[in-house]
Amino acid sequence: MKSEAAPASHGGGRAFGLAPRLSGRAIGVVVALAALAAVGGVLLGSQDGSPAAGPSHSQTRYGGLPSWLPRPTLAVNRVVDASSRHPVLAIQGDAVSVEANYGQVLATAVGPEVPEEGHYPVPAASPCTFIVTFTGASRAFALDARAFTLIDEVDHVFHPRLTAIDGGPAPRSVPAHKTVSLKVHAVLPTGDGGLRWAPGTTHPIVTWDFEVEVD
């Protein structure tokens, strides 16, 4: 009995079996396309025959800024100078060098911390807590609770309660070359506002901008 012929494989044997079927015209087309590809590669190269330079690493790096954007000029971790002659509006985390008639000190404010964050419906007002830190005084710098006020986005004034970080009585001064922090507590409406400090004067020397956000 005659054995059956083995089926054609899907590997190299079948591929070589197709080669003779190509006509002379098809082979000429393949050769012409290959020549065009070679010429295109030369044209894309530099004049001296080396490959054309692609984008630099800095331009193609994931997350990099485009080279045409302007460079930032605002200093990071800057210190802002403030006095009764030159009051300033600061943002959270700005170190403000505050000059009063009885000394100078660096002050930084952060907050508010709001316990109702994420609650719905959004409450009209929320208990807020700020932390103000003082450092760098060359001599004892007095702290008066009445010098701190808060305003909302329609300029309503609020008088906060001050405590030490642990909840005890607020410190009365910043000792020379020491760091002192206190908490500022108030119930404030949702929206923008400002934490103001007016040491030794009736007008704020520095105001820290903030937003009460509870949604």
Protein backbone atom coordinates (compact mmCIF):
# COMPACT_ATOMS: atom_id res chain seq x y z
CA MET A 1 0.00 0.00 0.00
CA LYS A 2 1.32 3.41 -0.94
CA SER A 3 2.04 5.77 1.94
CA GLU A 4 0.28 9.14 1.93
CA ALA A 5 2.36 12.21 1.18
CA ALA A 6 3.16 14.33 4.25
CA PRO A 7 1.32 17.68 4.31
CA ALA A 8 3.32 20.77 3.55
CA SER A 9 4.78 22.34 6.71
CA HIS A 10 4.14 25.94 7.72
CA GLY A 11 7.85 26.59 8.14
CA GLY A 12 10.68 27.46 5.83
CA GLY A 13 9.98 24.71 3.30
CA ARG A 14 6.66 26.24 2.29
CA ALA A 15 8.15 29.68 2.02
CA PHE A 16 10.88 28.49 -0.32
CA GLY A 17 8.28 26.66 -2.32
CA LEU A 18 6.54 29.94 -3.12
CA ALA A 19 9.67 31.68 -4.38
CA PRO A 20 9.65 30.24 -7.89
CA ARG A 21 6.11 31.53 -8.44
CA LEU A 22 7.24 35.18 -8.36
CA SER A 23 7.32 36.64 -11.82
CA GLY A 24 10.24 38.61 -13.15
CA ARG A 25 8.16 41.78 -12.96
CA ALA A 26 7.37 41.21 -9.24
CA ILE A 27 11.04 40.68 -8.48
CA GLY A 28 11.88 43.93 -10.24
CA VAL A 29 9.33 45.81 -8.11
CA VAL A 30 10.85 44.39 -4.90
CA VAL A 31 14.36 45.42 -5.98
CA ALA A 32 13.14 48.95 -6.84
CA LEU A 33 11.44 49.37 -3.43
CA ALA A 34 14.60 48.26 -1.65
CA ALA A 35 16.64 50.80 -3.60
CA LEU A 36 14.21 53.61 -2.72
CA ALA A 37 14.41 52.68 0.96
CA ALA A 38 18.21 52.87 0.84
CA VAL A 39 18.15 56.29 -0.85
CA GLY A 40 15.65 57.58 1.72
CA GLY A 41 17.93 56.52 4.54
CA VAL A 42 20.82 58.45 3.01
CA LEU A 43 18.68 61.58 2.54
CA LEU A 44 17.58 61.45 6.17
CA GLY A 45 21.17 61.35 7.33
CA SER A 46 23.45 64.32 7.82
CA GLN A 47 25.57 65.70 5.02
CA ASP A 48 28.65 63.88 6.24
CA GLY A 49 26.87 60.56 5.95
CA SER A 50 26.18 60.09 9.67
CA PRO A 51 22.59 59.44 10.80
CA ALA A 52 20.45 62.54 11.32
CA ALA A 53 20.43 63.69 14.92
CA GLY A 54 17.13 62.91 16.65
CA PRO A 55 15.53 64.82 19.53
CA SER A 56 17.75 65.20 22.57
CA HIS A 57 17.13 63.14 25.67
CA SER A 58 15.85 66.17 27.56
CA GLN A 59 13.27 66.85 24.85
CA THR A 60 11.94 63.31 24.73
CA ARG A 61 12.17 62.46 28.45
CA TYR A 62 8.79 61.45 29.82
CA GLY A 63 7.32 64.24 31.93
CA GLY A 64 9.83 66.87 30.75
CA LEU A 65 8.71 70.43 30.05
CA PRO A 66 8.83 71.66 26.44
CA SER A 67 11.84 73.86 25.75
CA TRP A 68 9.65 76.71 24.47
CA LEU A 69 7.95 77.28 27.84
CA PRO A 70 9.29 80.28 29.84
CA ARG A 71 11.53 79.47 32.77
CA PRO A 72 10.02 80.15 36.24
CA THR A 73 11.55 83.14 38.01
CA LEU A 74 9.73 82.98 41.37
CA ALA A 75 12.05 81.74 44.09
CA VAL A 76 11.14 78.54 45.93
CA ASN A 77 11.16 78.53 49.76
CA ARG A 78 11.45 82.31 49.67
CA VAL A 79 11.39 84.63 52.68
CA VAL A 80 8.97 87.56 52.40
CA ASP A 81 9.71 90.80 54.29
CA ALA A 82 6.78 92.48 56.06
CA SER A 83 6.45 95.57 58.25
CA SER A 84 3.88 98.22 59.14
CA ARG A 85 5.25 100.27 56.24
CA HIS A 86 5.13 97.29 53.89
CA PRO A 87 2.33 94.82 54.77
CA VAL A 88 2.22 91.67 52.64
CA LEU A 89 -0.21 88.98 51.51
CA ALA A 90 1.44 85.58 51.88
CA ILE A 91 0.48 82.01 51.10
CA GLN A 92 0.61 78.95 53.32
CA GLY A 93 4.16 77.85 53.98
CA ASP A 94 5.75 81.20 53.16
CA ALA A 95 8.29 82.24 55.78
CA VAL A 96 7.57 85.90 56.50
CA SER A 97 10.18 88.06 58.20
CA VAL A 98 7.96 90.28 60.33
CA GLU A 99 9.41 93.52 61.68
CA ALA A 100 7.54 95.13 64.55
CA ASN A 101 8.43 98.07 66.77
CA TYR A 102 9.87 95.69 69.38
CA GLY A 103 11.77 93.20 67.25
CA GLN A 104 11.84 90.89 64.27
CA VAL A 105 10.81 87.25 63.85
CA LEU A 106 10.17 84.68 61.11
CA ALA A 107 6.54 83.52 61.01
CA THR A 108 4.95 80.70 58.99
CA ALA A 109 1.28 79.69 58.91
CA VAL A 110 -0.40 76.52 57.58
CA GLY A 111 -4.05 75.45 57.52
CA PRO A 112 -6.87 75.28 58.03
CA GLU A 113 -7.50 71.77 59.28
CA VAL A 114 -11.23 71.12 58.90
CA PRO A 115 -12.86 68.08 60.58
CA GLU A 116 -15.92 68.05 58.29
CA GLU A 117 -13.95 67.50 55.08
CA GLY A 118 -15.86 65.11 52.83
CA HIS A 119 -19.24 65.57 54.53
CA TYR A 120 -22.43 66.14 52.55
CA PRO A 121 -24.33 68.41 52.46
CA VAL A 122 -21.55 70.98 52.75
CA PRO A 123 -21.91 72.87 56.05
CA ALA A 124 -22.21 76.64 55.98
CA ALA A 125 -19.41 76.99 58.57
CA SER A 126 -16.77 74.68 60.05
CA PRO A 127 -14.34 74.64 62.97
CA CYS A 128 -10.91 75.50 61.58
CA THR A 129 -7.45 75.17 63.07
CA PHE A 130 -4.28 76.87 61.85
CA ILE A 131 -0.72 76.36 63.08
CA VAL A 132 1.56 79.40 63.21
CA THR A 133 5.26 78.87 63.88
CA PHE A 134 7.71 81.57 64.98
CA THR A 135 11.50 81.33 64.92
CA GLY A 136 14.67 83.35 64.40
CA ALA A 137 13.95 86.14 66.89
CA SER A 138 17.11 87.96 67.97
CA ARG A 139 15.42 88.84 71.27
CA ALA A 140 12.14 87.99 73.01
CA PHE A 141 9.23 88.78 70.69
CA ALA A 142 5.87 89.37 72.39
CA LEU A 143 2.79 87.41 71.24
CA ASP A 144 -0.62 88.97 71.88
CA ALA A 145 -3.75 86.95 71.06
CA ARG A 146 -5.59 90.17 70.19
CA ALA A 147 -3.16 90.77 67.32
CA PHE A 148 -4.64 87.80 65.40
CA THR A 149 -7.86 88.11 63.39
CA LEU A 150 -9.46 86.26 60.51
CA ILE A 151 -11.58 87.51 57.64
CA ASP A 152 -13.83 85.67 55.20
CA GLU A 153 -14.33 86.40 51.50
CA VAL A 154 -16.80 89.21 52.25
CA ASP A 155 -14.49 90.83 54.86
CA HIS A 156 -16.35 89.70 57.98
CA VAL A 157 -13.90 89.76 60.91
CA PHE A 158 -13.49 86.83 63.33
CA HIS A 159 -11.53 86.83 66.59
CA PRO A 160 -9.88 83.43 67.09
CA ARG A 161 -8.92 81.47 70.19
CA LEU A 162 -5.21 80.74 70.60
CA THR A 163 -3.70 77.72 72.32
CA ALA A 164 -0.37 75.96 72.58
CA ILE A 165 0.18 72.97 70.29
CA ASP A 166 -0.82 70.59 73.10
CA GLY A 167 -4.01 72.56 73.79
CA GLY A 168 -2.68 74.43 76.83
CA PRO A 169 -2.39 78.21 77.24
CA ALA A 170 -0.90 80.03 74.25
CA PRO A 171 2.71 81.19 74.63
CA ARG A 172 3.12 84.87 75.51
CA SER A 173 6.37 85.39 73.61
CA VAL A 174 8.96 83.84 71.33
CA PRO A 175 12.25 83.51 73.23
CA ALA A 176 15.41 84.57 71.43
CA HIS A 177 16.84 81.87 69.14
CA LYS A 178 13.94 79.50 69.97
CA THR A 179 11.06 78.11 67.93
CA VAL A 180 7.48 78.43 69.17
CA SER A 181 4.27 77.17 67.55
CA LEU A 182 0.67 77.89 68.45
CA LYS A 183 -2.78 76.92 67.21
CA VAL A 184 -5.38 79.39 66.00
CA HIS A 185 -9.00 78.18 66.31
CA ALA A 186 -12.14 79.70 64.79
CA VAL A 187 -15.45 78.70 63.22
CA LEU A 188 -15.35 80.02 59.66
CA PRO A 189 -17.68 79.95 56.65
CA THR A 190 -16.80 77.86 53.61
CA GLY A 191 -14.76 79.77 51.05
CA ASP A 192 -11.71 82.02 50.85
CA GLY A 193 -10.29 83.97 53.75
CA GLY A 194 -7.23 85.44 55.40
CA LEU A 195 -5.36 84.93 58.68
CA ARG A 196 -4.08 88.35 59.76
CA TRP A 197 -1.39 89.26 62.29
CA ALA A 198 -0.81 92.80 63.53
CA PRO A 199 1.95 92.72 66.18
CA GLY A 200 2.29 96.05 67.97
CA THR A 201 -0.07 97.86 65.59
CA THR A 202 -3.76 98.14 64.70
CA HIS A 203 -3.24 97.26 61.03
CA PRO A 204 -2.20 93.78 59.85
CA ILE A 205 1.46 93.45 58.89
CA VAL A 206 0.97 90.04 57.25
CA THR A 207 -2.10 88.21 55.96
CA TRP A 208 -1.95 84.52 55.02
CA ASP A 209 -4.41 83.56 52.30
CA PHE A 210 -6.40 80.33 52.79
CA GLU A 211 -9.52 78.46 51.67
CA VAL A 212 -12.03 76.59 53.83
CA GLU A 213 -12.92 73.57 51.71
CA VAL A 214 -15.06 70.75 53.05
CA ASP A 215 -16.48 69.01 49.95
